[in-house]
Amino acid sequence: MSAGLDTALSLPVRLTLAAIVLAGLILRLWANDAAVPFRMGVDEPAILSTALRMIRTGDFHPHFFDYGGLTLYLHAVVGILGFVAGARDGRWSNLGAFWEGDMLVPGRTATAIFAAVTIVLVFRIGLRWGTPTALVAALAMAVLPAHVREAHFILTDTPLTLFVTATLLLSMRAAESGRLGAVALAGLTAGLATAIKYNGAAALVMPFIAAMGLPAGRRLAGASIAVAAAGAGFLLTAPYTVLALPDFLNRLAALMQAYNRDRPMSVVMANYVAYLRNWFGWPGVLPAQIGYIALAAALGGWAVAIARASGRRGYLNAALLVVFPFLYFWFMSSQTLQYGRYLLPIGPMLAVGLGLGIVAAARRIGTRVPAARHAALPLLVVLLLGAPTLATLAWLRTHGRTTTLEQAGAWLVEHGAPGDRVAFENVATFHLPPPLVLVRAGELITRAVDEYRADQVTWLILTSDRSSTYHADPVGNRARITAYQTMLAMTEPVATFTPTADHPGATVTILRLRR
């Protein structure tokens, strides 16, 4: 274990770290304005609409408790800065002209910066086991596909990962220093993690572990201070969980029902293991099992940390690195609503484990094959991090393409009139900027054209995702085909967007209602 944690880093190490962090930031900023403002992540509108309401009304009661208040306040601040910058550039002169789509790029940029800071924290954590381990861990975090992908959306998972990683680093420093103030600071960041997303409360286990490393007479005080600091951090940044306690508890109960359905934990665990495996592979291109090699190396790295631990500080740091990921994995596996991004907070610990595993394997190879001593480390880095790097680049290339649906949105912005109502076969991620009004209609043919006219709709958007299913079974869908043909006969097709390599998606047709 490295003893010189506070020693100044050499210039080559600083430059290497700077290059890794810069590369990580570029990956997270790459195409973060893709198809703005038409394409939003599934949960981005909920966060942005709440933040925008706060900005417009000055009422900082979120009236929304799916996430902790800190997430919403962070993006309210970012939104205010974006509004001021836009006003300076003449884009708007009042808040009425400012909408959620205008907050996308500033909010996503802030999220990318949170992610880049996480890379730096991973490096600082990795220094406990030496500079090579720290650099490999930072590189693993920089190219991790899940972390790059989620940094492109205004969600809770990326800032949650930042605060969990900060809690790990501060807990290690508390364990090393034995100071109550350091334990309190680690508890504070655990509270902030909880205020980002409620499952961040699991991070409190880390300052608890640090407190157990204090002298016997101060351990209870340390644990108490950690809890008090976490509570203060949470309540200061999510105050309406107490000020509007009934609303919070009602929503929490509803969320628990959504997350606790009848589903075996073993199935959830198996799915999460598959998600983790895919983080270190190139799904759809390389065999899925390849990801298990890097995952095994990360677990092996954790074993190395435990095996090489010596002294109180060494054992505490090993425990801090390993206990949280297992606890968090178990906790998330007990919840039946499942997405791969939910495991993102254990990504930094896996990155450090991967750094430990790769460096340990390279040293063993160098010992047994002296001629490969210098080549072993870069070769292992390429072998284990090459696939996730290529997967990241492939996702960015796909994410950056403008789809046919977004082409249709741009056409409507250019040709539509203020106040035009646009009925659209529902895709939750598609949005239109004001003054156009998007009417989500599910399946368009379920309503007659005259009903759309009565609803003052000007444009209909048809997608082949829906219509192609009718013709796949013409006998069973005879009524749907008739309704579809009637709709086409009573409207005027004005634009069609067909998919190409550069513009993927369904065939999208815009119809104008005849008056």
Protein backbone atom coordinates (compact mmCIF):
# COMPACT_ATOMS: atom_id res chain seq x y z
CA MET A 1 0.00 0.00 0.00
CA SER A 2 1.28 3.47 -0.86
CA ALA A 3 2.45 5.38 2.18
CA GLY A 4 2.88 8.76 0.54
CA LEU A 5 -0.73 9.70 -0.06
CA ASP A 6 -0.06 13.37 0.61
CA THR A 7 3.14 13.52 -1.44
CA ALA A 8 2.96 15.78 -4.48
CA LEU A 9 2.44 13.84 -7.68
CA SER A 10 5.22 13.86 -10.26
CA LEU A 11 4.72 15.85 -13.45
CA PRO A 12 4.32 12.75 -15.68
CA VAL A 13 1.62 11.40 -13.34
CA ARG A 14 -0.17 14.76 -13.29
CA LEU A 15 -0.10 14.98 -17.07
CA THR A 16 -1.32 11.41 -17.45
CA LEU A 17 -4.16 12.01 -15.02
CA ALA A 18 -5.07 15.27 -16.77
CA ALA A 19 -5.20 13.43 -20.12
CA ILE A 20 -7.43 10.69 -18.66
CA VAL A 21 -9.83 13.18 -17.07
CA LEU A 22 -9.93 15.32 -20.21
CA ALA A 23 -10.66 12.26 -22.33
CA GLY A 24 -13.39 11.23 -19.89
CA LEU A 25 -14.94 14.70 -19.99
CA ILE A 26 -14.86 14.79 -23.80
CA LEU A 27 -16.60 11.41 -23.96
CA ARG A 28 -19.31 12.70 -21.61
CA LEU A 29 -19.79 15.97 -23.48
CA TRP A 30 -19.69 14.32 -26.91
CA ALA A 31 -23.13 14.65 -28.53
CA ASN A 32 -24.78 15.85 -25.31
CA ASP A 33 -26.81 18.19 -27.52
CA ALA A 34 -27.95 15.36 -29.81
CA ALA A 35 -31.42 16.15 -31.24
CA VAL A 36 -32.07 18.85 -28.65
CA PRO A 37 -34.80 19.74 -27.84
CA PHE A 38 -36.79 16.93 -29.47
CA ARG A 39 -35.16 13.98 -27.68
CA MET A 40 -35.22 13.73 -23.89
CA GLY A 41 -34.43 10.83 -21.61
CA VAL A 42 -37.44 9.11 -20.09
CA ASP A 43 -37.09 10.80 -16.69
CA GLU A 44 -35.49 14.09 -17.75
CA PRO A 45 -38.80 15.98 -18.18
CA ALA A 46 -39.86 15.22 -14.59
CA ILE A 47 -36.69 16.75 -13.15
CA LEU A 48 -36.62 19.68 -15.57
CA SER A 49 -40.30 20.57 -15.23
CA THR A 50 -39.98 20.63 -11.43
CA ALA A 51 -36.85 22.77 -11.56
CA LEU A 52 -38.48 25.12 -14.09
CA ARG A 53 -41.56 25.52 -11.92
CA MET A 54 -39.32 26.55 -9.03
CA ILE A 55 -37.58 29.11 -11.23
CA ARG A 56 -40.85 30.56 -12.52
CA THR A 57 -42.70 30.71 -9.21
CA GLY A 58 -39.95 31.15 -6.63
CA ASP A 59 -41.63 28.34 -4.66
CA PHE A 60 -38.94 25.87 -3.65
CA HIS A 61 -41.38 23.25 -2.44
CA PRO A 62 -40.73 20.60 -5.12
CA HIS A 63 -44.20 18.97 -4.93
CA PHE A 64 -42.30 15.98 -6.32
CA PHE A 65 -40.72 13.29 -4.16
CA ASP A 66 -39.59 10.59 -6.57
CA TYR A 67 -36.06 11.91 -5.99
CA GLY A 68 -34.41 13.85 -3.21
CA GLY A 69 -34.61 17.62 -3.29
CA LEU A 70 -30.90 18.18 -3.97
CA THR A 71 -31.26 16.86 -7.51
CA LEU A 72 -34.02 19.36 -8.22
CA TYR A 73 -32.24 22.31 -6.60
CA LEU A 74 -29.03 21.58 -8.49
CA HIS A 75 -30.83 21.74 -11.82
CA ALA A 76 -32.80 24.81 -10.76
CA VAL A 77 -29.49 26.59 -10.21
CA VAL A 78 -28.15 25.34 -13.55
CA GLY A 79 -31.40 26.43 -15.19
CA ILE A 80 -31.11 29.93 -13.75
CA LEU A 81 -27.57 30.23 -15.10
CA GLY A 82 -28.75 28.98 -18.48
CA PHE A 83 -31.62 31.48 -18.52
CA VAL A 84 -29.31 34.38 -17.70
CA ALA A 85 -26.84 33.30 -20.39
CA GLY A 86 -29.65 33.02 -22.95
CA ALA A 87 -31.07 36.42 -21.99
CA ARG A 88 -27.64 37.95 -22.44
CA ASP A 89 -27.49 36.45 -25.94
CA GLY A 90 -30.99 37.74 -26.78
CA ARG A 91 -32.70 34.34 -26.93
CA TRP A 92 -35.53 35.40 -24.60
CA SER A 93 -36.61 38.41 -22.59
CA ASN A 94 -38.79 36.71 -19.95
CA LEU A 95 -39.29 33.37 -18.23
CA GLY A 96 -42.40 32.65 -20.26
CA ALA A 97 -40.23 32.00 -23.30
CA PHE A 98 -37.94 29.64 -21.38
CA TRP A 99 -38.90 25.95 -21.35
CA GLU A 100 -37.51 22.55 -20.34
CA GLY A 101 -35.80 22.01 -23.70
CA ASP A 102 -33.68 25.11 -23.09
CA MET A 103 -32.36 23.49 -19.90
CA LEU A 104 -31.15 20.30 -21.55
CA VAL A 105 -27.65 21.26 -22.67
CA PRO A 106 -26.72 23.22 -19.50
CA GLY A 107 -28.07 20.41 -17.30
CA ARG A 108 -26.33 17.69 -19.27
CA THR A 109 -23.09 19.68 -19.23
CA ALA A 110 -23.30 19.94 -15.44
CA THR A 111 -23.89 16.18 -15.26
CA ALA A 112 -20.83 15.56 -17.45
CA ILE A 113 -18.72 17.71 -15.12
CA PHE A 114 -19.99 15.73 -12.10
CA ALA A 115 -18.88 12.58 -13.90
CA ALA A 116 -15.42 13.98 -14.68
CA VAL A 117 -14.93 14.92 -11.03
CA THR A 118 -15.79 11.32 -10.14
CA ILE A 119 -12.83 10.16 -12.26
CA VAL A 120 -10.51 12.36 -10.19
CA LEU A 121 -11.94 10.95 -6.95
CA VAL A 122 -11.41 7.40 -8.22
CA PHE A 123 -7.77 8.25 -8.85
CA ARG A 124 -7.37 9.65 -5.32
CA ILE A 125 -8.93 6.48 -3.88
CA GLY A 126 -6.67 4.28 -6.00
CA LEU A 127 -3.54 6.02 -4.67
CA ARG A 128 -3.98 3.99 -1.48
CA TRP A 129 -2.62 1.07 -3.51
CA GLY A 130 -0.06 2.93 -5.59
CA THR A 131 0.11 5.29 -8.57
CA PRO A 132 -0.18 2.61 -11.31
CA THR A 133 -3.34 1.26 -9.69
CA ALA A 134 -4.76 4.79 -9.39
CA LEU A 135 -4.10 5.60 -13.04
CA VAL A 136 -5.59 2.34 -14.35
CA ALA A 137 -8.62 2.81 -12.07
CA ALA A 138 -9.13 6.36 -13.37
CA LEU A 139 -8.86 5.14 -16.96
CA ALA A 140 -11.37 2.35 -16.30
CA MET A 141 -13.80 4.89 -14.89
CA ALA A 142 -13.18 7.29 -17.78
CA VAL A 143 -14.20 4.77 -20.45
CA LEU A 144 -16.87 2.84 -18.50
CA PRO A 145 -19.81 2.70 -20.95
CA ALA A 146 -22.54 2.94 -18.29
CA HIS A 147 -20.97 6.03 -16.71
CA VAL A 148 -20.44 7.73 -20.08
CA ARG A 149 -23.98 6.94 -21.18
CA GLU A 150 -25.72 8.15 -18.02
CA ALA A 151 -23.67 11.37 -18.02
CA HIS A 152 -25.59 12.31 -21.17
CA PHE A 153 -28.89 12.61 -19.30
CA ILE A 154 -30.23 14.76 -16.49
CA LEU A 155 -30.89 11.96 -14.06
CA THR A 156 -29.92 11.15 -10.49
CA ASP A 157 -27.52 8.28 -11.07
CA THR A 158 -24.44 10.28 -12.12
CA PRO A 159 -24.51 12.83 -9.26
CA LEU A 160 -25.38 10.00 -6.85
CA THR A 161 -22.24 8.20 -8.00
CA LEU A 162 -20.22 11.37 -7.41
CA PHE A 163 -21.40 11.76 -3.81
CA VAL A 164 -21.03 8.05 -3.04
CA THR A 165 -17.46 8.16 -4.38
CA ALA A 166 -16.75 11.29 -2.33
CA THR A 167 -18.08 9.48 0.74
CA LEU A 168 -15.70 6.58 0.08
CA LEU A 169 -12.69 8.87 -0.28
CA LEU A 170 -13.57 10.94 2.79
CA SER A 171 -14.22 7.79 4.82
CA MET A 172 -10.77 6.52 3.90
CA ARG A 173 -9.26 9.82 4.99
CA ALA A 174 -11.22 9.62 8.23
CA ALA A 175 -9.94 6.09 8.84
CA GLU A 176 -6.39 7.25 8.17
CA SER A 177 -6.53 10.38 10.31
CA GLY A 178 -8.70 9.08 13.15
CA ARG A 179 -10.33 12.50 13.45
CA LEU A 180 -13.99 12.97 14.37
CA GLY A 181 -14.23 15.95 12.01
CA ALA A 182 -13.21 13.76 9.08
CA VAL A 183 -15.89 11.21 10.02
CA ALA A 184 -18.44 14.03 10.13
CA LEU A 185 -17.45 15.19 6.65
CA ALA A 186 -17.87 11.65 5.30
CA GLY A 187 -21.28 11.47 6.98
CA LEU A 188 -22.24 14.79 5.41
CA THR A 189 -21.54 13.54 1.88
CA ALA A 190 -23.52 10.37 2.63
CA GLY A 191 -26.44 12.62 3.55
CA LEU A 192 -26.02 14.55 0.30
CA ALA A 193 -26.03 11.25 -1.61
CA THR A 194 -29.34 10.43 0.06
CA ALA A 195 -30.70 13.86 -0.90
CA ILE A 196 -29.86 13.05 -4.52
CA LYS A 197 -31.57 9.66 -4.47
CA TYR A 198 -32.92 7.88 -1.42
CA ASN A 199 -30.95 4.67 -1.90
CA GLY A 200 -27.83 6.79 -1.38
CA ALA A 201 -28.49 6.21 2.32
CA ALA A 202 -26.57 2.96 1.90
CA ALA A 203 -23.42 5.09 1.67
CA LEU A 204 -23.71 5.74 5.42
CA VAL A 205 -22.09 2.34 5.99
CA MET A 206 -18.76 3.87 4.92
CA PRO A 207 -18.43 6.55 7.65
CA PHE A 208 -19.66 3.87 10.09
CA ILE A 209 -16.71 1.68 9.08
CA ALA A 210 -14.38 4.66 9.44
CA ALA A 211 -15.80 5.32 12.91
CA MET A 212 -15.04 1.73 13.92
CA GLY A 213 -11.38 2.51 13.29
CA LEU A 214 -11.35 5.20 15.95
CA PRO A 215 -10.00 4.47 19.44
CA ALA A 216 -12.45 2.34 21.43
CA GLY A 217 -13.71 5.22 23.54
CA ARG A 218 -14.57 7.36 20.51
CA ARG A 219 -16.29 4.84 18.22
CA LEU A 220 -19.81 5.48 19.46
CA ALA A 221 -19.23 9.22 19.24
CA GLY A 222 -17.89 8.80 15.72
CA ALA A 223 -20.91 6.76 14.59
CA SER A 224 -23.27 9.27 16.21
CA ILE A 225 -21.51 12.19 14.54
CA ALA A 226 -21.70 10.41 11.17
CA VAL A 227 -25.47 9.95 11.55
CA ALA A 228 -25.96 13.55 12.70
CA ALA A 229 -23.89 14.93 9.82
CA ALA A 230 -25.73 12.74 7.31
CA GLY A 231 -29.07 13.91 8.68
CA ALA A 232 -27.97 17.54 8.50
CA GLY A 233 -26.75 17.16 4.92
CA PHE A 234 -30.00 15.49 3.90
CA LEU A 235 -32.37 17.91 5.63
CA LEU A 236 -30.53 21.02 4.47
CA THR A 237 -30.76 19.97 0.82
CA ALA A 238 -34.09 18.10 0.89
CA PRO A 239 -36.01 20.04 3.58
CA TYR A 240 -39.50 19.39 2.26
CA THR A 241 -39.25 15.71 3.10
CA VAL A 242 -39.96 16.98 6.63
CA LEU A 243 -41.79 20.24 5.92
CA ALA A 244 -44.25 18.34 3.72
CA LEU A 245 -43.97 15.04 5.56
CA PRO A 246 -47.41 13.58 4.61
CA ASP A 247 -46.80 14.24 0.91
CA PHE A 248 -43.35 12.70 1.13
CA LEU A 249 -44.53 9.61 2.98
CA ASN A 250 -47.45 9.06 0.62
CA ARG A 251 -45.16 9.22 -2.40
CA LEU A 252 -42.56 7.03 -0.70
CA ALA A 253 -45.21 4.40 -0.03
CA ALA A 254 -46.29 4.49 -3.68
CA LEU A 255 -42.68 4.13 -4.83
CA MET A 256 -42.17 1.16 -2.54
CA GLN A 257 -45.12 -0.57 -4.17
CA ALA A 258 -43.53 -0.04 -7.58
CA TYR A 259 -40.17 -1.35 -6.41
CA ASN A 260 -41.41 -4.35 -4.45
CA ARG A 261 -43.32 -6.65 -6.75
CA ASP A 262 -43.50 -10.41 -6.64
CA ARG A 263 -40.20 -11.34 -8.26
CA PRO A 264 -37.48 -13.69 -6.92
CA MET A 265 -34.33 -11.93 -5.72
CA SER A 266 -32.24 -14.55 -7.53
CA VAL A 267 -33.68 -13.42 -10.86
CA VAL A 268 -32.96 -9.77 -10.10
CA MET A 269 -29.41 -10.62 -9.01
CA ALA A 270 -28.77 -12.63 -12.18
CA ASN A 271 -29.96 -9.73 -14.32
CA TYR A 272 -27.77 -7.28 -12.45
CA VAL A 273 -24.73 -9.53 -12.88
CA ALA A 274 -25.48 -9.52 -16.62
CA TYR A 275 -25.62 -5.70 -16.57
CA LEU A 276 -22.23 -5.56 -14.82
CA ARG A 277 -20.78 -8.02 -17.31
CA ASN A 278 -21.97 -5.85 -20.17
CA TRP A 279 -20.24 -2.81 -18.70
CA PHE A 280 -16.91 -4.43 -19.52
CA GLY A 281 -17.74 -5.93 -22.90
CA TRP A 282 -19.06 -4.84 -26.27
CA PRO A 283 -22.65 -6.13 -26.39
CA GLY A 284 -23.85 -7.12 -29.82
CA VAL A 285 -20.34 -7.29 -31.24
CA LEU A 286 -18.21 -9.49 -28.97
CA PRO A 287 -19.42 -12.55 -27.04
CA ALA A 288 -21.09 -11.45 -23.82
CA GLN A 289 -18.84 -13.72 -21.74
CA ILE A 290 -15.84 -11.49 -22.47
CA GLY A 291 -17.13 -9.01 -19.93
CA TYR A 292 -16.75 -11.59 -17.19
CA ILE A 293 -12.96 -11.47 -17.57
CA ALA A 294 -12.73 -7.81 -16.54
CA LEU A 295 -15.38 -8.33 -13.88
CA ALA A 296 -13.36 -11.23 -12.46
CA ALA A 297 -10.23 -9.05 -12.53
CA ALA A 298 -12.07 -6.38 -10.52
CA LEU A 299 -13.20 -8.92 -7.94
CA GLY A 300 -9.67 -10.29 -7.88
CA GLY A 301 -8.44 -6.77 -7.23
CA TRP A 302 -10.70 -6.52 -4.21
CA ALA A 303 -9.24 -9.80 -2.99
CA VAL A 304 -5.74 -8.35 -3.47
CA ALA A 305 -6.70 -5.32 -1.37
CA ILE A 306 -7.86 -7.60 1.43
CA ALA A 307 -4.89 -9.97 1.19
CA ARG A 308 -2.31 -7.19 1.24
CA ALA A 309 -3.95 -5.19 4.00
CA SER A 310 -1.77 -4.56 7.02
CA GLY A 311 -2.37 -2.43 10.06
CA ARG A 312 -5.55 -0.68 11.07
CA ARG A 313 -5.52 1.71 8.13
CA GLY A 314 -4.96 -1.03 5.57
CA TYR A 315 -7.79 -3.23 6.82
CA LEU A 316 -10.20 -0.30 7.07
CA ASN A 317 -9.44 0.87 3.53
CA ALA A 318 -9.92 -2.66 2.20
CA ALA A 319 -13.23 -2.93 4.06
CA LEU A 320 -14.35 0.47 2.78
CA LEU A 321 -13.58 -0.55 -0.80
CA VAL A 322 -15.43 -3.87 -0.61
CA VAL A 323 -18.31 -3.65 1.87
CA PHE A 324 -20.39 -0.96 0.17
CA PRO A 325 -20.56 -2.63 -3.29
CA PHE A 326 -21.78 -5.92 -1.82
CA LEU A 327 -24.26 -4.18 0.47
CA TYR A 328 -25.53 -1.97 -2.34
CA PHE A 329 -25.81 -4.88 -4.78
CA TRP A 330 -27.83 -6.85 -2.24
CA PHE A 331 -30.03 -3.84 -1.47
CA MET A 332 -30.77 -3.09 -5.13
CA SER A 333 -31.43 -6.78 -5.82
CA SER A 334 -34.18 -6.70 -3.20
CA GLN A 335 -36.01 -4.14 -5.37
CA THR A 336 -37.85 -5.57 -8.33
CA LEU A 337 -37.90 -2.47 -10.56
CA GLN A 338 -34.61 -2.90 -12.36
CA TYR A 339 -32.37 -0.82 -14.62
CA GLY A 340 -28.64 -1.23 -15.17
CA ARG A 341 -27.98 2.41 -14.23
CA TYR A 342 -29.19 1.71 -10.72
CA LEU A 343 -25.86 -0.05 -10.06
CA LEU A 344 -23.76 2.91 -11.21
CA PRO A 345 -22.66 3.89 -7.66
CA ILE A 346 -20.56 0.71 -7.40
CA GLY A 347 -18.77 1.54 -10.66
CA PRO A 348 -15.95 3.47 -8.92
CA MET A 349 -15.22 0.54 -6.58
CA LEU A 350 -15.15 -1.82 -9.56
CA ALA A 351 -12.77 0.56 -11.35
CA VAL A 352 -10.40 0.56 -8.37
CA GLY A 353 -10.68 -3.22 -8.14
CA LEU A 354 -9.88 -3.47 -11.84
CA GLY A 355 -6.85 -1.24 -11.33
CA LEU A 356 -5.66 -3.46 -8.48
CA GLY A 357 -6.29 -6.66 -10.44
CA ILE A 358 -4.57 -5.49 -13.63
CA VAL A 359 -1.50 -4.14 -11.83
CA ALA A 360 -1.18 -7.27 -9.68
CA ALA A 361 -1.47 -9.53 -12.74
CA ALA A 362 1.08 -7.43 -14.66
CA ARG A 363 3.57 -7.68 -11.80
CA ARG A 364 3.12 -11.43 -11.58
CA ILE A 365 3.68 -11.78 -15.33
CA GLY A 366 6.78 -9.56 -15.08
CA THR A 367 8.16 -11.71 -12.29
CA ARG A 368 7.67 -14.95 -14.20
CA VAL A 369 8.57 -13.58 -17.65
CA PRO A 370 11.15 -10.81 -17.17
CA ALA A 371 11.13 -9.96 -20.87
CA ALA A 372 7.43 -8.99 -20.59
CA ARG A 373 7.89 -6.84 -17.48
CA HIS A 374 7.34 -3.51 -19.25
CA ALA A 375 4.78 -4.69 -21.78
CA ALA A 376 2.51 -6.62 -19.41
CA LEU A 377 0.69 -3.66 -17.88
CA PRO A 378 -0.20 -1.78 -21.12
CA LEU A 379 -1.14 -5.08 -22.77
CA LEU A 380 -3.54 -6.02 -19.96
CA VAL A 381 -5.02 -2.52 -19.99
CA VAL A 382 -5.72 -2.81 -23.72
CA LEU A 383 -7.13 -6.32 -23.39
CA LEU A 384 -9.48 -5.54 -20.49
CA LEU A 385 -10.41 -1.93 -21.25
CA GLY A 386 -10.39 -2.10 -25.04
CA ALA A 387 -13.86 -3.64 -25.35
CA PRO A 388 -15.64 -1.17 -23.02
CA THR A 389 -13.85 1.72 -24.77
CA LEU A 390 -15.06 0.55 -28.17
CA ALA A 391 -18.55 -0.01 -26.75
CA THR A 392 -18.55 3.56 -25.43
CA LEU A 393 -17.48 4.98 -28.81
CA ALA A 394 -20.10 2.89 -30.63
CA TRP A 395 -22.86 4.13 -28.30
CA LEU A 396 -21.77 7.74 -28.76
CA ARG A 397 -21.86 7.33 -32.53
CA THR A 398 -25.40 5.96 -32.38
CA HIS A 399 -26.56 8.49 -29.81
CA GLY A 400 -25.30 11.39 -31.91
CA ARG A 401 -27.42 10.53 -34.96
CA THR A 402 -30.59 12.48 -35.67
CA THR A 403 -33.51 10.08 -36.01
CA THR A 404 -36.37 10.37 -38.47
CA LEU A 405 -38.66 11.42 -35.64
CA GLU A 406 -36.38 14.30 -34.76
CA GLN A 407 -36.23 15.28 -38.44
CA ALA A 408 -40.02 15.48 -38.34
CA GLY A 409 -39.83 17.65 -35.24
CA ALA A 410 -37.44 20.06 -36.94
CA TRP A 411 -39.78 20.22 -39.97
CA LEU A 412 -42.74 21.11 -37.75
CA VAL A 413 -40.76 23.85 -35.99
CA GLU A 414 -39.95 25.35 -39.39
CA HIS A 415 -43.38 24.99 -40.99
CA GLY A 416 -45.80 25.05 -38.08
CA ALA A 417 -47.50 28.17 -36.71
CA PRO A 418 -47.55 29.30 -33.07
CA GLY A 419 -50.22 27.38 -31.18
CA ASP A 420 -50.49 24.57 -33.72
CA ARG A 421 -51.55 21.33 -32.05
CA VAL A 422 -49.68 18.21 -33.14
CA ALA A 423 -51.14 14.75 -32.44
CA PHE A 424 -48.49 12.10 -32.20
CA GLU A 425 -48.38 8.33 -31.69
CA ASN A 426 -46.92 8.32 -28.22
CA VAL A 427 -43.16 8.03 -27.72
CA ALA A 428 -42.26 9.30 -24.26
CA THR A 429 -38.84 10.60 -25.31
CA PHE A 430 -40.16 12.88 -28.10
CA HIS A 431 -40.97 16.52 -27.35
CA LEU A 432 -41.81 19.68 -29.27
CA PRO A 433 -40.85 23.20 -28.22
CA PRO A 434 -43.47 25.86 -27.57
CA PRO A 435 -45.39 27.52 -29.07
CA LEU A 436 -46.23 24.18 -30.75
CA VAL A 437 -48.48 21.96 -28.62
CA LEU A 438 -47.82 18.22 -28.57
CA VAL A 439 -50.88 16.02 -28.06
CA ARG A 440 -49.88 12.47 -27.13
CA ALA A 441 -52.53 10.28 -28.69
CA GLY A 442 -51.37 6.70 -28.28
CA GLU A 443 -52.55 4.99 -31.47
CA LEU A 444 -53.84 7.71 -33.81
CA ILE A 445 -56.46 5.56 -35.54
CA THR A 446 -58.35 5.04 -32.29
CA ARG A 447 -59.92 8.46 -32.92
CA ALA A 448 -61.75 9.71 -36.01
CA VAL A 449 -60.26 12.56 -38.02
CA ASP A 450 -63.28 14.72 -37.15
CA GLU A 451 -62.43 14.29 -33.46
CA TYR A 452 -58.97 15.66 -34.09
CA ARG A 453 -60.51 18.60 -35.94
CA ALA A 454 -62.82 19.26 -33.02
CA ASP A 455 -59.76 19.21 -30.76
CA GLN A 456 -58.16 21.91 -32.95
CA VAL A 457 -55.37 19.58 -34.11
CA THR A 458 -53.50 20.79 -37.20
CA TRP A 459 -50.92 18.04 -37.71
CA LEU A 460 -50.86 14.26 -37.30
CA ILE A 461 -47.60 12.30 -37.07
CA LEU A 462 -47.77 8.68 -38.19
CA THR A 463 -44.92 6.21 -37.65
CA SER A 464 -44.31 2.91 -39.38
CA ASP A 465 -43.70 1.37 -35.95
CA ARG A 466 -47.49 1.36 -35.65
CA SER A 467 -48.74 1.04 -39.22
CA SER A 468 -46.40 -1.81 -40.20
CA THR A 469 -47.98 -4.04 -37.56
CA TYR A 470 -51.38 -3.69 -39.24
CA HIS A 471 -50.18 -5.11 -42.56
CA ALA A 472 -48.23 -7.93 -40.90
CA ASP A 473 -51.61 -9.50 -40.14
CA PRO A 474 -54.12 -7.98 -42.63
CA VAL A 475 -56.94 -10.36 -41.70
CA GLY A 476 -56.69 -9.81 -37.97
CA ASN A 477 -56.16 -6.06 -38.41
CA ARG A 478 -58.77 -5.40 -41.09
CA ALA A 479 -60.52 -2.73 -39.01
CA ARG A 480 -57.23 -1.00 -38.22
CA ILE A 481 -56.17 -0.99 -41.88
CA THR A 482 -59.52 0.51 -42.89
CA ALA A 483 -59.21 3.22 -40.23
CA TYR A 484 -55.64 3.91 -41.35
CA GLN A 485 -56.64 4.24 -45.01
CA THR A 486 -59.57 6.50 -44.07
CA MET A 487 -57.20 8.75 -42.10
CA LEU A 488 -54.85 9.02 -45.08
CA ALA A 489 -57.75 9.81 -47.42
CA MET A 490 -59.05 12.64 -45.17
CA THR A 491 -55.67 14.30 -44.61
CA GLU A 492 -52.87 15.76 -46.70
CA PRO A 493 -49.43 14.12 -46.49
CA VAL A 494 -46.91 16.98 -46.44
CA ALA A 495 -43.62 15.35 -45.44
CA THR A 496 -42.18 11.85 -45.08
CA PHE A 497 -38.90 10.90 -43.44
CA THR A 498 -37.49 7.48 -44.26
CA PRO A 499 -34.65 5.88 -42.27
CA THR A 500 -31.07 5.88 -43.53
CA ALA A 501 -27.72 4.97 -42.02
CA ASP A 502 -27.31 8.54 -40.77
CA HIS A 503 -30.95 8.95 -39.72
CA PRO A 504 -32.21 5.75 -38.07
CA GLY A 505 -35.73 5.13 -36.87
CA ALA A 506 -39.14 4.38 -38.29
CA THR A 507 -40.64 5.93 -41.39
CA VAL A 508 -42.40 9.07 -40.17
CA THR A 509 -45.21 10.78 -42.10
CA ILE A 510 -46.62 14.21 -41.26
CA LEU A 511 -50.27 14.74 -42.24
CA ARG A 512 -52.09 18.06 -42.36
CA LEU A 513 -55.77 18.02 -41.47
CA ARG A 514 -58.00 19.40 -44.20
CA ARG A 515 -60.38 22.03 -42.91
